[in-house]
């Protein structure tokens, strides 16, 4: 196999795996709070304690994956165009 064919095959495999992941689990952990739903703070002694609720995910700890967001947007545009 040529290197270009191998690169295309690897790219196609990664794309299919990501599409499967987006279909199976459309939500991933929030990047800011790492899925906790709130910020972690340290007190004066250095111990961890619960901080404020995460504003990015609205304290759910989840975010929609980019691939699922693109799929939802394309589906919405298609539905709006066929009516």
PDB file of N, CA and C in Angstrom:
ATOM      1  N   UNK A   1       0.825  -1.185   0.000  1.00  0.00           N
ATOM      2  CA  UNK A   1       0.000   0.000   0.000  1.00  0.00           C
ATOM      3  C   UNK A   1       0.871   1.250   0.000  1.00  0.00           C
ATOM      4  N   UNK A   2       0.382   2.239  -0.660  1.00  0.00           N
ATOM      5  CA  UNK A   2       1.116   3.493  -0.685  1.00  0.00           C
ATOM      6  C   UNK A   2       0.827   4.278   0.598  1.00  0.00           C
ATOM      7  N   UNK A   3       1.694   5.181   0.955  1.00  0.00           N
ATOM      8  CA  UNK A   3       1.486   5.961   2.178  1.00  0.00           C
ATOM      9  C   UNK A   3       0.211   6.809   2.143  1.00  0.00           C
ATOM     10  N   UNK A   4      -0.165   7.288   0.973  1.00  0.00           N
ATOM     11  CA  UNK A   4      -1.379   8.107   0.865  1.00  0.00           C
ATOM     12  C   UNK A   4      -2.610   7.253   1.124  1.00  0.00           C
ATOM     13  N   UNK A   5      -2.643   6.050   0.577  1.00  0.00           N
ATOM     14  CA  UNK A   5      -3.772   5.153   0.790  1.00  0.00           C
ATOM     15  C   UNK A   5      -3.871   4.765   2.255  1.00  0.00           C
ATOM     16  N   UNK A   6      -2.743   4.521   2.885  1.00  0.00           N
ATOM     17  CA  UNK A   6      -2.720   4.171   4.297  1.00  0.00           C
ATOM     18  C   UNK A   6      -3.212   5.332   5.157  1.00  0.00           C
ATOM     19  N   UNK A   7      -2.813   6.547   4.813  1.00  0.00           N
ATOM     20  CA  UNK A   7      -3.253   7.732   5.560  1.00  0.00           C
ATOM     21  C   UNK A   7      -4.755   7.938   5.408  1.00  0.00           C
ATOM     22  N   UNK A   8      -5.273   7.733   4.211  1.00  0.00           N
ATOM     23  CA  UNK A   8      -6.713   7.875   3.980  1.00  0.00           C
ATOM     24  C   UNK A   8      -7.479   6.811   4.758  1.00  0.00           C
ATOM     25  N   UNK A   9      -6.969   5.596   4.779  1.00  0.00           N
ATOM     26  CA  UNK A   9      -7.628   4.515   5.517  1.00  0.00           C
ATOM     27  C   UNK A   9      -7.640   4.809   7.019  1.00  0.00           C
ATOM     28  N   UNK A  10      -6.529   5.306   7.548  1.00  0.00           N
ATOM     29  CA  UNK A  10      -6.468   5.650   8.973  1.00  0.00           C
ATOM     30  C   UNK A  10      -7.416   6.797   9.306  1.00  0.00           C
ATOM     31  N   UNK A  11      -7.466   7.804   8.448  1.00  0.00           N
ATOM     32  CA  UNK A  11      -8.361   8.934   8.657  1.00  0.00           C
ATOM     33  C   UNK A  11      -9.817   8.495   8.609  1.00  0.00           C
ATOM     34  N   UNK A  12     -10.149   7.616   7.684  1.00  0.00           N
ATOM     35  CA  UNK A  12     -11.504   7.089   7.593  1.00  0.00           C
ATOM     36  C   UNK A  12     -11.863   6.274   8.837  1.00  0.00           C
ATOM     37  N   UNK A  13     -10.933   5.483   9.356  1.00  0.00           N
ATOM     38  CA  UNK A  13     -11.180   4.683  10.557  1.00  0.00           C
ATOM     39  C   UNK A  13     -11.415   5.585  11.772  1.00  0.00           C
ATOM     40  N   UNK A  14     -10.601   6.629  11.915  1.00  0.00           N
ATOM     41  CA  UNK A  14     -10.763   7.561  13.035  1.00  0.00           C
ATOM     42  C   UNK A  14     -12.107   8.279  12.938  1.00  0.00           C
ATOM     43  N   UNK A  15     -12.492   8.686  11.738  1.00  0.00           N
ATOM     44  CA  UNK A  15     -13.763   9.379  11.535  1.00  0.00           C
ATOM     45  C   UNK A  15     -14.941   8.474  11.876  1.00  0.00           C
ATOM     46  N   UNK A  16     -14.888   7.232  11.456  1.00  0.00           N
ATOM     47  CA  UNK A  16     -15.976   6.300  11.764  1.00  0.00           C
ATOM     48  C   UNK A  16     -16.058   6.003  13.257  1.00  0.00           C
ATOM     49  N   UNK A  17     -14.913   5.884  13.913  1.00  0.00           N
ATOM     50  CA  UNK A  17     -14.913   5.656  15.362  1.00  0.00           C
ATOM     51  C   UNK A  17     -15.512   6.857  16.098  1.00  0.00           C
ATOM     52  N   UNK A  18     -15.166   8.065  15.669  1.00  0.00           N
ATOM     53  CA  UNK A  18     -15.712   9.262  16.316  1.00  0.00           C
ATOM     54  C   UNK A  18     -17.213   9.391  16.060  1.00  0.00           C
ATOM     55  N   UNK A  19     -17.662   9.059  14.858  1.00  0.00           N
ATOM     56  CA  UNK A  19     -19.094   9.110  14.549  1.00  0.00           C
ATOM     57  C   UNK A  19     -19.854   8.096  15.409  1.00  0.00           C
ATOM     58  N   UNK A  20     -19.277   6.925  15.616  1.00  0.00           N
ATOM     59  CA  UNK A  20     -19.900   5.926  16.481  1.00  0.00           C
ATOM     60  C   UNK A  20     -19.951   6.414  17.923  1.00  0.00           C
ATOM     61  N   UNK A  21     -18.886   7.049  18.387  1.00  0.00           N
ATOM     62  CA  UNK A  21     -18.862   7.592  19.735  1.00  0.00           C
ATOM     63  C   UNK A  21     -19.923   8.670  19.917  1.00  0.00           C
ATOM     64  N   UNK A  22     -20.063   9.555  18.928  1.00  0.00           N
ATOM     65  CA  UNK A  22     -21.064  10.627  19.003  1.00  0.00           C
ATOM     66  C   UNK A  22     -22.483  10.062  18.991  1.00  0.00           C
ATOM     67  N   UNK A  23     -22.696   8.960  18.283  1.00  0.00           N
ATOM     68  CA  UNK A  23     -24.024   8.346  18.252  1.00  0.00           C
ATOM     69  C   UNK A  23     -24.320   7.616  19.556  1.00  0.00           C
ATOM     70  N   UNK A  24     -23.324   6.950  20.117  1.00  0.00           N
ATOM     71  CA  UNK A  24     -23.535   6.166  21.333  1.00  0.00           C
ATOM     72  C   UNK A  24     -23.575   7.044  22.586  1.00  0.00           C
ATOM     73  N   UNK A  25     -22.694   8.030  22.666  1.00  0.00           N
ATOM     74  CA  UNK A  25     -22.613   8.909  23.837  1.00  0.00           C
ATOM     75  C   UNK A  25     -22.511  10.354  23.354  1.00  0.00           C
ATOM     76  N   UNK A  26     -23.648  11.011  23.099  1.00  0.00           N
ATOM     77  CA  UNK A  26     -23.591  12.365  22.535  1.00  0.00           C
ATOM     78  C   UNK A  26     -23.051  13.422  23.499  1.00  0.00           C
ATOM     79  N   UNK A  27     -23.022  13.134  24.780  1.00  0.00           N
ATOM     80  CA  UNK A  27     -22.525  14.102  25.750  1.00  0.00           C
ATOM     81  C   UNK A  27     -21.220  13.609  26.358  1.00  0.00           C
ATOM     82  N   UNK A  28     -20.269  14.532  26.505  1.00  0.00           N
ATOM     83  CA  UNK A  28     -18.992  14.237  27.136  1.00  0.00           C
ATOM     84  C   UNK A  28     -18.841  15.084  28.387  1.00  0.00           C
ATOM     85  N   UNK A  29     -17.790  14.877  29.159  1.00  0.00           N
ATOM     86  CA  UNK A  29     -17.600  15.687  30.356  1.00  0.00           C
ATOM     87  C   UNK A  29     -17.241  17.127  30.012  1.00  0.00           C
ATOM     88  N   UNK A  30     -17.688  18.042  30.839  1.00  0.00           N
ATOM     89  CA  UNK A  30     -17.383  19.461  30.641  1.00  0.00           C
ATOM     90  C   UNK A  30     -15.876  19.667  30.765  1.00  0.00           C
ATOM     91  N   UNK A  31     -15.314  20.488  29.904  1.00  0.00           N
ATOM     92  CA  UNK A  31     -13.869  20.703  29.921  1.00  0.00           C
ATOM     93  C   UNK A  31     -13.432  21.618  31.058  1.00  0.00           C
ATOM     94  N   UNK A  32     -14.293  22.514  31.461  1.00  0.00           N
ATOM     95  CA  UNK A  32     -13.909  23.462  32.504  1.00  0.00           C
ATOM     96  C   UNK A  32     -13.926  22.811  33.888  1.00  0.00           C
ATOM     97  N   UNK A  33     -15.007  22.098  34.221  1.00  0.00           N
ATOM     98  CA  UNK A  33     -15.121  21.509  35.563  1.00  0.00           C
ATOM     99  C   UNK A  33     -14.757  20.027  35.579  1.00  0.00           C
ATOM    100  N   UNK A  34     -14.372  19.476  34.428  1.00  0.00           N
ATOM    101  CA  UNK A  34     -13.972  18.072  34.279  1.00  0.00           C
ATOM    102  C   UNK A  34     -15.084  17.104  34.670  1.00  0.00           C
ATOM    103  N   UNK A  35     -16.337  17.512  34.480  1.00  0.00           N
ATOM    104  CA  UNK A  35     -17.468  16.631  34.726  1.00  0.00           C
ATOM    105  C   UNK A  35     -18.021  16.680  36.136  1.00  0.00           C
ATOM    106  N   UNK A  36     -17.442  17.500  37.027  1.00  0.00           N
ATOM    107  CA  UNK A  36     -17.956  17.592  38.389  1.00  0.00           C
ATOM    108  C   UNK A  36     -19.233  18.423  38.464  1.00  0.00           C
ATOM    109  N   UNK A  37     -19.343  19.449  37.644  1.00  0.00           N
ATOM    110  CA  UNK A  37     -20.487  20.348  37.708  1.00  0.00           C
ATOM    111  C   UNK A  37     -20.203  21.569  38.557  1.00  0.00           C
ATOM    112  N   UNK A  38     -19.043  21.614  39.174  1.00  0.00           N
ATOM    113  CA  UNK A  38     -18.649  22.757  39.988  1.00  0.00           C
ATOM    114  C   UNK A  38     -17.135  22.875  39.974  1.00  0.00           C
ATOM    115  N   UNK A  39     -16.656  24.055  40.303  1.00  0.00           N
ATOM    116  CA  UNK A  39     -15.219  24.303  40.370  1.00  0.00           C
ATOM    117  C   UNK A  39     -14.668  23.707  41.666  1.00  0.00           C
ATOM    118  N   UNK A  40     -13.441  23.237  41.608  1.00  0.00           N
ATOM    119  CA  UNK A  40     -12.784  22.760  42.826  1.00  0.00           C
ATOM    120  C   UNK A  40     -11.875  23.876  43.330  1.00  0.00           C
ATOM    121  N   UNK A  41     -11.977  24.187  44.627  1.00  0.00           N
ATOM    122  CA  UNK A  41     -11.152  25.225  45.230  1.00  0.00           C
ATOM    123  C   UNK A  41     -10.337  24.625  46.355  1.00  0.00           C
ATOM    124  N   UNK A  42      -9.347  25.372  46.802  1.00  0.00           N
ATOM    125  CA  UNK A  42      -8.539  24.971  47.947  1.00  0.00           C
ATOM    126  C   UNK A  42      -8.820  25.939  49.090  1.00  0.00           C
ATOM    127  N   UNK A  43      -8.906  25.407  50.315  1.00  0.00           N
ATOM    128  CA  UNK A  43      -9.035  26.304  51.455  1.00  0.00           C
ATOM    129  C   UNK A  43      -7.637  26.752  51.897  1.00  0.00           C
ATOM    130  N   UNK A  44      -7.552  27.448  53.001  1.00  0.00           N
ATOM    131  CA  UNK A  44      -6.262  27.989  53.432  1.00  0.00           C
ATOM    132  C   UNK A  44      -5.252  26.905  53.775  1.00  0.00           C
ATOM    133  N   UNK A  45      -5.743  25.750  54.167  1.00  0.00           N
ATOM    134  CA  UNK A  45      -4.838  24.655  54.521  1.00  0.00           C
ATOM    135  C   UNK A  45      -4.444  23.805  53.317  1.00  0.00           C
ATOM    136  N   UNK A  46      -5.017  24.106  52.159  1.00  0.00           N
ATOM    137  CA  UNK A  46      -4.660  23.378  50.949  1.00  0.00           C
ATOM    138  C   UNK A  46      -5.570  22.203  50.642  1.00  0.00           C
ATOM    139  N   UNK A  47      -6.618  22.018  51.440  1.00  0.00           N
ATOM    140  CA  UNK A  47      -7.555  20.919  51.182  1.00  0.00           C
ATOM    141  C   UNK A  47      -8.543  21.329  50.106  1.00  0.00           C
ATOM    142  N   UNK A  48      -8.959  20.356  49.325  1.00  0.00           N
ATOM    143  CA  UNK A  48      -9.940  20.633  48.273  1.00  0.00           C
ATOM    144  C   UNK A  48     -11.320  20.818  48.877  1.00  0.00           C
ATOM    145  N   UNK A  49     -12.061  21.748  48.297  1.00  0.00           N
ATOM    146  CA  UNK A  49     -13.453  21.937  48.702  1.00  0.00           C
ATOM    147  C   UNK A  49     -14.268  22.342  47.481  1.00  0.00           C
ATOM    148  N   UNK A  50     -15.568  22.215  47.612  1.00  0.00           N
ATOM    149  CA  UNK A  50     -16.471  22.524  46.511  1.00  0.00           C
ATOM    150  C   UNK A  50     -16.546  24.033  46.320  1.00  0.00           C
ATOM    151  N   UNK A  51     -16.456  24.452  45.054  1.00  0.00           N
ATOM    152  CA  UNK A  51     -16.562  25.868  44.736  1.00  0.00           C
ATOM    153  C   UNK A  51     -17.926  26.184  44.144  1.00  0.00           C
ATOM    154  N   UNK A  52     -17.956  27.201  43.333  1.00  0.00           N
ATOM    155  CA  UNK A  52     -19.209  27.623  42.697  1.00  0.00           C
ATOM    156  C   UNK A  52     -19.609  26.651  41.589  1.00  0.00           C
ATOM    157  N   UNK A  53     -20.896  26.676  41.242  1.00  0.00           N
ATOM    158  CA  UNK A  53     -21.382  25.873  40.125  1.00  0.00           C
ATOM    159  C   UNK A  53     -20.728  26.345  38.826  1.00  0.00           C
ATOM    160  N   UNK A  54     -20.490  25.403  37.942  1.00  0.00           N
ATOM    161  CA  UNK A  54     -19.866  25.720  36.655  1.00  0.00           C
ATOM    162  C   UNK A  54     -20.884  26.442  35.772  1.00  0.00           C
ATOM    163  N   UNK A  55     -20.493  27.602  35.256  1.00  0.00           N
ATOM    164  CA  UNK A  55     -21.402  28.360  34.400  1.00  0.00           C
ATOM    165  C   UNK A  55     -21.420  27.828  32.980  1.00  0.00           C
ATOM    166  N   UNK A  56     -20.345  27.192  32.557  1.00  0.00           N
ATOM    167  CA  UNK A  56     -20.260  26.705  31.181  1.00  0.00           C
ATOM    168  C   UNK A  56     -21.267  25.583  30.932  1.00  0.00           C
ATOM    169  N   UNK A  57     -21.368  24.627  31.859  1.00  0.00           N
ATOM    170  CA  UNK A  57     -22.276  23.488  31.672  1.00  0.00           C
ATOM    171  C   UNK A  57     -23.542  23.618  32.505  1.00  0.00           C
ATOM    172  N   UNK A  58     -23.700  24.724  33.211  1.00  0.00           N
ATOM    173  CA  UNK A  58     -24.856  24.977  34.072  1.00  0.00           C
ATOM    174  C   UNK A  58     -25.002  23.901  35.141  1.00  0.00           C
ATOM    175  N   UNK A  59     -23.881  23.494  35.712  1.00  0.00           N
ATOM    176  CA  UNK A  59     -23.782  22.548  36.821  1.00  0.00           C
ATOM    177  C   UNK A  59     -24.249  21.140  36.475  1.00  0.00           C
ATOM    178  N   UNK A  60     -24.275  20.782  35.196  1.00  0.00           N
ATOM    179  CA  UNK A  60     -24.633  19.418  34.826  1.00  0.00           C
ATOM    180  C   UNK A  60     -23.403  18.531  34.718  1.00  0.00           C
ATOM    181  N   UNK A  61     -22.268  19.132  34.414  1.00  0.00           N
ATOM    182  CA  UNK A  61     -21.043  18.375  34.245  1.00  0.00           C
ATOM    183  C   UNK A  61     -20.907  17.767  32.859  1.00  0.00           C
ATOM    184  N   UNK A  62     -21.858  18.021  31.975  1.00  0.00           N
ATOM    185  CA  UNK A  62     -21.847  17.443  30.635  1.00  0.00           C
ATOM    186  C   UNK A  62     -21.845  18.543  29.584  1.00  0.00           C
ATOM    187  N   UNK A  63     -21.318  18.211  28.411  1.00  0.00           N
ATOM    188  CA  UNK A  63     -21.340  19.101  27.256  1.00  0.00           C
ATOM    189  C   UNK A  63     -21.638  18.255  26.033  1.00  0.00           C
ATOM    190  N   UNK A  64     -22.194  18.867  25.022  1.00  0.00           N
ATOM    191  CA  UNK A  64     -22.484  18.133  23.790  1.00  0.00           C
ATOM    192  C   UNK A  64     -21.205  18.057  22.960  1.00  0.00           C
ATOM    193  N   UNK A  65     -20.940  16.894  22.394  1.00  0.00           N
ATOM    194  CA  UNK A  65     -19.730  16.705  21.593  1.00  0.00           C
ATOM    195  C   UNK A  65     -19.849  17.485  20.281  1.00  0.00           C
ATOM    196  N   UNK A  66     -18.717  17.869  19.714  1.00  0.00           N
ATOM    197  CA  UNK A  66     -18.693  18.672  18.489  1.00  0.00           C
ATOM    198  C   UNK A  66     -19.349  17.919  17.332  1.00  0.00           C
ATOM    199  N   UNK A  67     -19.044  16.653  17.184  1.00  0.00           N
ATOM    200  CA  UNK A  67     -19.631  15.865  16.096  1.00  0.00           C
ATOM    201  C   UNK A  67     -21.137  15.764  16.208  1.00  0.00           C
ATOM    202  N   UNK A  68     -21.648  15.599  17.426  1.00  0.00           N
ATOM    203  CA  UNK A  68     -23.092  15.525  17.628  1.00  0.00           C
ATOM    204  C   UNK A  68     -23.734  16.884  17.373  1.00  0.00           C
ATOM    205  N   UNK A  69     -23.042  17.970  17.751  1.00  0.00           N
ATOM    206  CA  UNK A  69     -23.565  19.308  17.514  1.00  0.00           C
ATOM    207  C   UNK A  69     -23.702  19.555  16.013  1.00  0.00           C
ATOM    208  N   UNK A  70     -22.689  19.158  15.242  1.00  0.00           N
ATOM    209  CA  UNK A  70     -22.732  19.324  13.788  1.00  0.00           C
ATOM    210  C   UNK A  70     -23.864  18.491  13.198  1.00  0.00           C
ATOM    211  N   UNK A  71     -24.027  17.254  13.675  1.00  0.00           N
ATOM    212  CA  UNK A  71     -25.109  16.392  13.192  1.00  0.00           C
ATOM    213  C   UNK A  71     -26.471  17.003  13.506  1.00  0.00           C
ATOM    214  N   UNK A  72     -26.663  17.493  14.721  1.00  0.00           N
ATOM    215  CA  UNK A  72     -27.943  18.118  15.092  1.00  0.00           C
ATOM    216  C   UNK A  72     -28.227  19.344  14.237  1.00  0.00           C
ATOM    217  N   UNK A  73     -27.195  20.156  13.986  1.00  0.00           N
ATOM    218  CA  UNK A  73     -27.379  21.357  13.180  1.00  0.00           C
ATOM    219  C   UNK A  73     -27.738  20.996  11.742  1.00  0.00           C
ATOM    220  N   UNK A  74     -27.060  20.012  11.156  1.00  0.00           N
ATOM    221  CA  UNK A  74     -27.361  19.586   9.783  1.00  0.00           C
ATOM    222  C   UNK A  74     -28.773  19.009   9.685  1.00  0.00           C
ATOM    223  N   UNK A  75     -29.175  18.242  10.680  1.00  0.00           N
ATOM    224  CA  UNK A  75     -30.523  17.672  10.688  1.00  0.00           C
ATOM    225  C   UNK A  75     -31.583  18.769  10.789  1.00  0.00           C
ATOM    226  N   UNK A  76     -31.324  19.780  11.613  1.00  0.00           N
ATOM    227  CA  UNK A  76     -32.268  20.892  11.760  1.00  0.00           C
ATOM    228  C   UNK A  76     -32.382  21.691  10.462  1.00  0.00           C
ATOM    229  N   UNK A  77     -31.255  21.940   9.792  1.00  0.00           N
ATOM    230  CA  UNK A  77     -31.280  22.662   8.520  1.00  0.00           C
ATOM    231  C   UNK A  77     -32.030  21.852   7.471  1.00  0.00           C
ATOM    232  N   UNK A  78     -31.827  20.551   7.436  1.00  0.00           N
ATOM    233  CA  UNK A  78     -32.515  19.689   6.470  1.00  0.00           C
ATOM    234  C   UNK A  78     -34.029  19.708   6.726  1.00  0.00           C
ATOM    235  N   UNK A  79     -34.419  19.577   8.014  1.00  0.00           N
ATOM    236  CA  UNK A  79     -35.845  19.597   8.344  1.00  0.00           C
ATOM    237  C   UNK A  79     -36.491  20.928   7.992  1.00  0.00           C
ATOM    238  N   UNK A  80     -35.796  22.036   8.261  1.00  0.00           N
ATOM    239  CA  UNK A  80     -36.350  23.357   7.959  1.00  0.00           C
ATOM    240  C   UNK A  80     -36.448  23.576   6.452  1.00  0.00           C
ATOM    241  N   UNK A  81     -35.569  22.964   5.677  1.00  0.00           N
ATOM    242  CA  UNK A  81     -35.571  23.157   4.237  1.00  0.00           C
ATOM    243  C   UNK A  81     -36.611  22.331   3.526  1.00  0.00           C
ATOM    244  N   UNK A  82     -37.092  21.253   4.134  1.00  0.00           N
ATOM    245  CA  UNK A  82     -38.056  20.387   3.460  1.00  0.00           C
ATOM    246  C   UNK A  82     -39.500  20.758   3.764  1.00  0.00           C
ATOM    247  N   UNK A  83     -39.738  21.700   4.626  1.00  0.00           N
ATOM    248  CA  UNK A  83     -41.123  22.099   4.949  1.00  0.00           C
ATOM    249  C   UNK A  83     -41.598  23.205   4.082  1.00  0.00           C
TER     250      UNK A  83
END
